[in-house]
PDB file of N, CA and C in Angstrom:
ATOM      1  N   MET A   1      73.845   4.659  51.960  1.00  0.00           N
ATOM      2  CA  MET A   1      73.367   6.025  52.145  1.00  0.00           C
ATOM      3  C   MET A   1      74.413   6.866  52.875  1.00  0.00           C
ATOM      4  N   PHE A   2      74.988   6.304  53.940  1.00  0.00           N
ATOM      5  CA  PHE A   2      75.968   7.050  54.711  1.00  0.00           C
ATOM      6  C   PHE A   2      77.209   7.344  53.881  1.00  0.00           C
ATOM      7  N   ASP A   3      77.602   6.385  53.039  1.00  0.00           N
ATOM      8  CA  ASP A   3      78.752   6.605  52.153  1.00  0.00           C
ATOM      9  C   ASP A   3      78.486   7.750  51.187  1.00  0.00           C
ATOM     10  N   TRP A   4      77.256   7.816  50.671  1.00  0.00           N
ATOM     11  CA  TRP A   4      76.909   8.892  49.749  1.00  0.00           C
ATOM     12  C   TRP A   4      77.007  10.246  50.451  1.00  0.00           C
ATOM     13  N   ILE A   5      76.536  10.318  51.682  1.00  0.00           N
ATOM     14  CA  ILE A   5      76.599  11.565  52.452  1.00  0.00           C
ATOM     15  C   ILE A   5      78.051  11.980  52.669  1.00  0.00           C
ATOM     16  N   LEU A   6      78.900  11.015  53.016  1.00  0.00           N
ATOM     17  CA  LEU A   6      80.308  11.333  53.223  1.00  0.00           C
ATOM     18  C   LEU A   6      80.989  11.812  51.937  1.00  0.00           C
ATOM     19  N   GLU A   7      80.577  11.262  50.810  1.00  0.00           N
ATOM     20  CA  GLU A   7      81.165  11.661  49.534  1.00  0.00           C
ATOM     21  C   GLU A   7      80.686  13.044  49.078  1.00  0.00           C
ATOM     22  N   HIS A   8      79.489  13.422  49.454  1.00  0.00           N
ATOM     23  CA  HIS A   8      78.879  14.657  48.950  1.00  0.00           C
ATOM     24  C   HIS A   8      78.600  15.689  50.030  1.00  0.00           C
ATOM     25  N   TRP A   9      79.291  15.631  51.161  1.00  0.00           N
ATOM     26  CA  TRP A   9      78.971  16.528  52.269  1.00  0.00           C
ATOM     27  C   TRP A   9      79.167  17.996  51.910  1.00  0.00           C
ATOM     28  N   GLU A  10      80.154  18.313  51.069  1.00  0.00           N
ATOM     29  CA  GLU A  10      80.374  19.715  50.686  1.00  0.00           C
ATOM     30  C   GLU A  10      79.182  20.255  49.904  1.00  0.00           C
ATOM     31  N   SER A  11      78.687  19.472  48.970  1.00  0.00           N
ATOM     32  CA  SER A  11      77.531  19.905  48.179  1.00  0.00           C
ATOM     33  C   SER A  11      76.285  20.035  49.046  1.00  0.00           C
ATOM     34  N   ILE A  12      76.108  19.104  49.953  1.00  0.00           N
ATOM     35  CA  ILE A  12      74.933  19.135  50.826  1.00  0.00           C
ATOM     36  C   ILE A  12      74.916  20.420  51.647  1.00  0.00           C
ATOM     37  N   PHE A  13      76.051  20.745  52.271  1.00  0.00           N
ATOM     38  CA  PHE A  13      76.102  21.941  53.097  1.00  0.00           C
ATOM     39  C   PHE A  13      76.039  23.224  52.279  1.00  0.00           C
ATOM     40  N   SER A  14      76.562  23.193  51.064  1.00  0.00           N
ATOM     41  CA  SER A  14      76.462  24.396  50.237  1.00  0.00           C
ATOM     42  C   SER A  14      75.017  24.642  49.824  1.00  0.00           C
ATOM     43  N   TRP A  15      74.259  23.584  49.532  1.00  0.00           N
ATOM     44  CA  TRP A  15      72.844  23.748  49.184  1.00  0.00           C
ATOM     45  C   TRP A  15      72.032  24.202  50.401  1.00  0.00           C
ATOM     46  N   ILE A  16      72.362  23.688  51.573  1.00  0.00           N
ATOM     47  CA  ILE A  16      71.670  24.137  52.784  1.00  0.00           C
ATOM     48  C   ILE A  16      71.956  25.619  53.026  1.00  0.00           C
ATOM     49  N   GLY A  17      73.207  26.022  52.858  1.00  0.00           N
ATOM     50  CA  GLY A  17      73.565  27.433  53.016  1.00  0.00           C
ATOM     51  C   GLY A  17      72.860  28.319  52.018  1.00  0.00           C
ATOM     52  N   LEU A  18      72.759  27.850  50.774  1.00  0.00           N
ATOM     53  CA  LEU A  18      72.051  28.609  49.743  1.00  0.00           C
ATOM     54  C   LEU A  18      70.573  28.756  50.098  1.00  0.00           C
ATOM     55  N   ALA A  19      69.969  27.677  50.594  1.00  0.00           N
ATOM     56  CA  ALA A  19      68.554  27.723  50.968  1.00  0.00           C
ATOM     57  C   ALA A  19      68.310  28.700  52.113  1.00  0.00           C
ATOM     58  N   VAL A  20      69.174  28.675  53.125  1.00  0.00           N
ATOM     59  CA  VAL A  20      69.019  29.587  54.262  1.00  0.00           C
ATOM     60  C   VAL A  20      69.214  31.032  53.812  1.00  0.00           C
ATOM     61  N   THR A  21      70.199  31.268  52.964  1.00  0.00           N
ATOM     62  CA  THR A  21      70.444  32.626  52.465  1.00  0.00           C
ATOM     63  C   THR A  21      69.267  33.134  51.648  1.00  0.00           C
ATOM     64  N   THR A  22      68.744  32.295  50.777  1.00  0.00           N
ATOM     65  CA  THR A  22      67.598  32.683  49.954  1.00  0.00           C
ATOM     66  C   THR A  22      66.375  32.963  50.817  1.00  0.00           C
ATOM     67  N   CYS A  23      66.115  32.073  51.767  1.00  0.00           N
ATOM     68  CA  CYS A  23      64.959  32.270  52.651  1.00  0.00           C
ATOM     69  C   CYS A  23      65.108  33.529  53.495  1.00  0.00           C
ATOM     70  N   THR A  24      66.316  33.829  53.931  1.00  0.00           N
ATOM     71  CA  THR A  24      66.545  35.046  54.708  1.00  0.00           C
ATOM     72  C   THR A  24      66.210  36.275  53.877  1.00  0.00           C
ATOM     73  N   GLY A  25      66.620  36.291  52.623  1.00  0.00           N
ATOM     74  CA  GLY A  25      66.299  37.412  51.745  1.00  0.00           C
ATOM     75  C   GLY A  25      64.809  37.567  51.526  1.00  0.00           C
ATOM     76  N   ILE A  26      64.120  36.459  51.313  1.00  0.00           N
ATOM     77  CA  ILE A  26      62.668  36.508  51.102  1.00  0.00           C
ATOM     78  C   ILE A  26      61.961  36.976  52.368  1.00  0.00           C
ATOM     79  N   VAL A  27      62.400  36.498  53.517  1.00  0.00           N
ATOM     80  CA  VAL A  27      61.785  36.878  54.794  1.00  0.00           C
ATOM     81  C   VAL A  27      61.936  38.379  55.023  1.00  0.00           C
ATOM     82  N   LYS A  28      63.091  38.928  54.687  1.00  0.00           N
ATOM     83  CA  LYS A  28      63.316  40.369  54.887  1.00  0.00           C
ATOM     84  C   LYS A  28      62.428  41.211  53.979  1.00  0.00           C
ATOM     85  N   LEU A  29      62.000  40.668  52.853  1.00  0.00           N
ATOM     86  CA  LEU A  29      61.161  41.419  51.920  1.00  0.00           C
ATOM     87  C   LEU A  29      59.687  41.409  52.302  1.00  0.00           C
ATOM     88  N   THR A  30      59.259  40.455  53.107  1.00  0.00           N
ATOM     89  CA  THR A  30      57.849  40.373  53.466  1.00  0.00           C
ATOM     90  C   THR A  30      57.529  41.319  54.622  1.00  0.00           C
ATOM     91  N   PRO A  31      56.326  41.867  54.646  1.00  0.00           N
ATOM     92  CA  PRO A  31      55.985  42.836  55.691  1.00  0.00           C
ATOM     93  C   PRO A  31      55.619  42.207  57.040  1.00  0.00           C
ATOM     94  N   THR A  32      55.312  40.926  57.085  1.00  0.00           N
ATOM     95  CA  THR A  32      54.895  40.313  58.344  1.00  0.00           C
ATOM     96  C   THR A  32      56.097  39.921  59.192  1.00  0.00           C
ATOM     97  N   THR A  33      55.857  39.740  60.489  1.00  0.00           N
ATOM     98  CA  THR A  33      56.946  39.355  61.391  1.00  0.00           C
ATOM     99  C   THR A  33      56.888  37.885  61.791  1.00  0.00           C
ATOM    100  N   LYS A  34      55.805  37.186  61.444  1.00  0.00           N
ATOM    101  CA  LYS A  34      55.693  35.778  61.805  1.00  0.00           C
ATOM    102  C   LYS A  34      56.801  34.961  61.135  1.00  0.00           C
ATOM    103  N   ASP A  35      57.054  35.228  59.860  1.00  0.00           N
ATOM    104  CA  ASP A  35      58.107  34.483  59.167  1.00  0.00           C
ATOM    105  C   ASP A  35      59.494  34.881  59.679  1.00  0.00           C
ATOM    106  N   ASP A  36      59.637  36.116  60.172  1.00  0.00           N
ATOM    107  CA  ASP A  36      60.914  36.534  60.764  1.00  0.00           C
ATOM    108  C   ASP A  36      61.224  35.684  62.001  1.00  0.00           C
ATOM    109  N   THR A  37      60.206  35.395  62.795  1.00  0.00           N
ATOM    110  CA  THR A  37      60.384  34.587  64.000  1.00  0.00           C
ATOM    111  C   THR A  37      60.825  33.171  63.645  1.00  0.00           C
ATOM    112  N   ILE A  38      60.181  32.595  62.648  1.00  0.00           N
ATOM    113  CA  ILE A  38      60.528  31.232  62.227  1.00  0.00           C
ATOM    114  C   ILE A  38      61.944  31.198  61.665  1.00  0.00           C
ATOM    115  N   MET A  39      62.286  32.160  60.841  1.00  0.00           N
ATOM    116  CA  MET A  39      63.621  32.190  60.255  1.00  0.00           C
ATOM    117  C   MET A  39      64.676  32.432  61.328  1.00  0.00           C
ATOM    118  N   GLY A  40      64.351  33.214  62.338  1.00  0.00           N
ATOM    119  CA  GLY A  40      65.276  33.422  63.449  1.00  0.00           C
ATOM    120  C   GLY A  40      65.602  32.120  64.160  1.00  0.00           C
ATOM    121  N   LYS A  41      64.600  31.261  64.322  1.00  0.00           N
ATOM    122  CA  LYS A  41      64.829  29.963  64.951  1.00  0.00           C
ATOM    123  C   LYS A  41      65.696  29.074  64.070  1.00  0.00           C
ATOM    124  N   VAL A  42      65.456  29.109  62.768  1.00  0.00           N
ATOM    125  CA  VAL A  42      66.264  28.318  61.833  1.00  0.00           C
ATOM    126  C   VAL A  42      67.718  28.778  61.873  1.00  0.00           C
ATOM    127  N   VAL A  43      67.935  30.087  61.912  1.00  0.00           N
ATOM    128  CA  VAL A  43      69.295  30.625  61.956  1.00  0.00           C
ATOM    129  C   VAL A  43      69.975  30.259  63.280  1.00  0.00           C
ATOM    130  N   LYS A  44      69.228  30.264  64.382  1.00  0.00           N
ATOM    131  CA  LYS A  44      69.809  29.870  65.667  1.00  0.00           C
ATOM    132  C   LYS A  44      70.265  28.417  65.640  1.00  0.00           C
ATOM    133  N   VAL A  45      69.477  27.546  65.022  1.00  0.00           N
ATOM    134  CA  VAL A  45      69.869  26.144  64.906  1.00  0.00           C
ATOM    135  C   VAL A  45      71.107  26.019  64.029  1.00  0.00           C
ATOM    136  N   ALA A  46      71.136  26.741  62.913  1.00  0.00           N
ATOM    137  CA  ALA A  46      72.304  26.709  62.031  1.00  0.00           C
ATOM    138  C   ALA A  46      73.535  27.251  62.750  1.00  0.00           C
ATOM    139  N   ASP A  47      73.360  28.281  63.555  1.00  0.00           N
ATOM    140  CA  ASP A  47      74.462  28.840  64.329  1.00  0.00           C
ATOM    141  C   ASP A  47      74.958  27.833  65.361  1.00  0.00           C
ATOM    142  N   TRP A  48      74.043  27.115  65.982  1.00  0.00           N
ATOM    143  CA  TRP A  48      74.405  26.108  66.972  1.00  0.00           C
ATOM    144  C   TRP A  48      75.196  24.968  66.335  1.00  0.00           C
ATOM    145  N   LEU A  49      74.844  24.605  65.096  1.00  0.00           N
ATOM    146  CA  LEU A  49      75.525  23.523  64.390  1.00  0.00           C
ATOM    147  C   LEU A  49      76.837  23.968  63.739  1.00  0.00           C
ATOM    148  N   SER A  50      77.053  25.256  63.671  1.00  0.00           N
ATOM    149  CA  SER A  50      78.208  25.789  62.962  1.00  0.00           C
ATOM    150  C   SER A  50      79.506  25.530  63.716  1.00  0.00           C
ATOM    151  N   VAL A  51      80.529  25.204  62.968  1.00  0.00           N
ATOM    152  CA  VAL A  51      81.861  24.994  63.539  1.00  0.00           C
ATOM    153  C   VAL A  51      82.557  26.335  63.724  1.00  0.00           C
ATOM    154  N   VAL A  52      82.239  27.282  62.897  1.00  0.00           N
ATOM    155  CA  VAL A  52      82.890  28.590  62.914  1.00  0.00           C
ATOM    156  C   VAL A  52      82.528  29.379  64.168  1.00  0.00           C
ATOM    157  N   ASN A  53      81.330  29.230  64.656  1.00  0.00           N
ATOM    158  CA  ASN A  53      80.849  30.014  65.793  1.00  0.00           C
ATOM    159  C   ASN A  53      81.116  29.331  67.125  1.00  0.00           C
ATOM    160  N   THR A  54      82.354  28.969  67.359  1.00  0.00           N
ATOM    161  CA  THR A  54      82.732  28.397  68.650  1.00  0.00           C
ATOM    162  C   THR A  54      82.839  29.522  69.672  1.00  0.00           C
ATOM    163  N   PRO A  55      82.772  29.231  70.953  1.00  0.00           N
ATOM    164  CA  PRO A  55      82.892  30.289  71.973  1.00  0.00           C
ATOM    165  C   PRO A  55      84.189  31.095  71.844  1.00  0.00           C
ATOM    166  N   GLU A  56      85.271  30.423  71.444  1.00  0.00           N
ATOM    167  CA  GLU A  56      86.540  31.133  71.286  1.00  0.00           C
ATOM    168  C   GLU A  56      86.461  32.154  70.153  1.00  0.00           C
ATOM    169  N   ASN A  57      85.859  31.749  69.032  1.00  0.00           N
ATOM    170  CA  ASN A  57      85.730  32.663  67.899  1.00  0.00           C
ATOM    171  C   ASN A  57      84.781  33.813  68.217  1.00  0.00           C
ATOM    172  N   LYS A  58      83.720  33.531  68.954  1.00  0.00           N
ATOM    173  CA  LYS A  58      82.789  34.595  69.338  1.00  0.00           C
ATOM    174  C   LYS A  58      83.476  35.610  70.250  1.00  0.00           C
ATOM    175  N   ALA A  59      84.319  35.145  71.160  1.00  0.00           N
ATOM    176  CA  ALA A  59      85.048  36.048  72.050  1.00  0.00           C
ATOM    177  C   ALA A  59      86.008  36.926  71.252  1.00  0.00           C
ATOM    178  N   LYS A  60      86.686  36.343  70.266  1.00  0.00           N
ATOM    179  CA  LYS A  60      87.590  37.120  69.414  1.00  0.00           C
ATOM    180  C   LYS A  60      86.818  38.172  68.624  1.00  0.00           C
ATOM    181  N   LEU A  61      85.660  37.792  68.101  1.00  0.00           N
ATOM    182  CA  LEU A  61      84.847  38.726  67.334  1.00  0.00           C
ATOM    183  C   LEU A  61      84.364  39.879  68.208  1.00  0.00           C
ATOM    184  N   GLU A  62      83.962  39.583  69.440  1.00  0.00           N
ATOM    185  CA  GLU A  62      83.518  40.645  70.346  1.00  0.00           C
ATOM    186  C   GLU A  62      84.633  41.623  70.651  1.00  0.00           C
ATOM    187  N   LYS A  63      85.868  41.136  70.794  1.00  0.00           N
ATOM    188  CA  LYS A  63      86.995  42.017  71.041  1.00  0.00           C
ATOM    189  C   LYS A  63      87.245  42.939  69.851  1.00  0.00           C
ATOM    190  N   VAL A  64      87.131  42.402  68.652  1.00  0.00           N
ATOM    191  CA  VAL A  64      87.343  43.213  67.449  1.00  0.00           C
ATOM    192  C   VAL A  64      86.261  44.275  67.328  1.00  0.00           C
ATOM    193  N   VAL A  65      85.012  43.906  67.616  1.00  0.00           N
ATOM    194  CA  VAL A  65      83.905  44.843  67.509  1.00  0.00           C
ATOM    195  C   VAL A  65      84.044  45.950  68.555  1.00  0.00           C
ATOM    196  N   LYS A  66      84.483  45.619  69.766  1.00  0.00           N
ATOM    197  CA  LYS A  66      84.626  46.614  70.830  1.00  0.00           C
ATOM    198  C   LYS A  66      85.728  47.620  70.515  1.00  0.00           C
ATOM    199  N   LYS A  67      86.776  47.207  69.776  1.00  0.00           N
ATOM    200  CA  LYS A  67      87.870  48.111  69.432  1.00  0.00           C
ATOM    201  C   LYS A  67      87.427  49.180  68.450  1.00  0.00           C
ATOM    202  N   LYS A  68      86.416  48.896  67.639  1.00  0.00           N
ATOM    203  CA  LYS A  68      85.975  49.848  66.605  1.00  0.00           C
ATOM    204  C   LYS A  68      85.145  50.923  67.172  1.00  0.00           C
TER     205      LYS A  68
END
């Protein structure tokens, strides 16, 4: 099982990204806020697991945003 995950990690993460993106779009279309809260928690977990959102990258992004 672990070997399969290592061989297919790109596909696994691309499908997870697609699912989160699709769910985000659906959540934005619904009038209730309960699903917005749940999706916000899912996005926070995804952000926490993300390699791109390191503290160094966040600091660089804040500097770019402040210059504009």
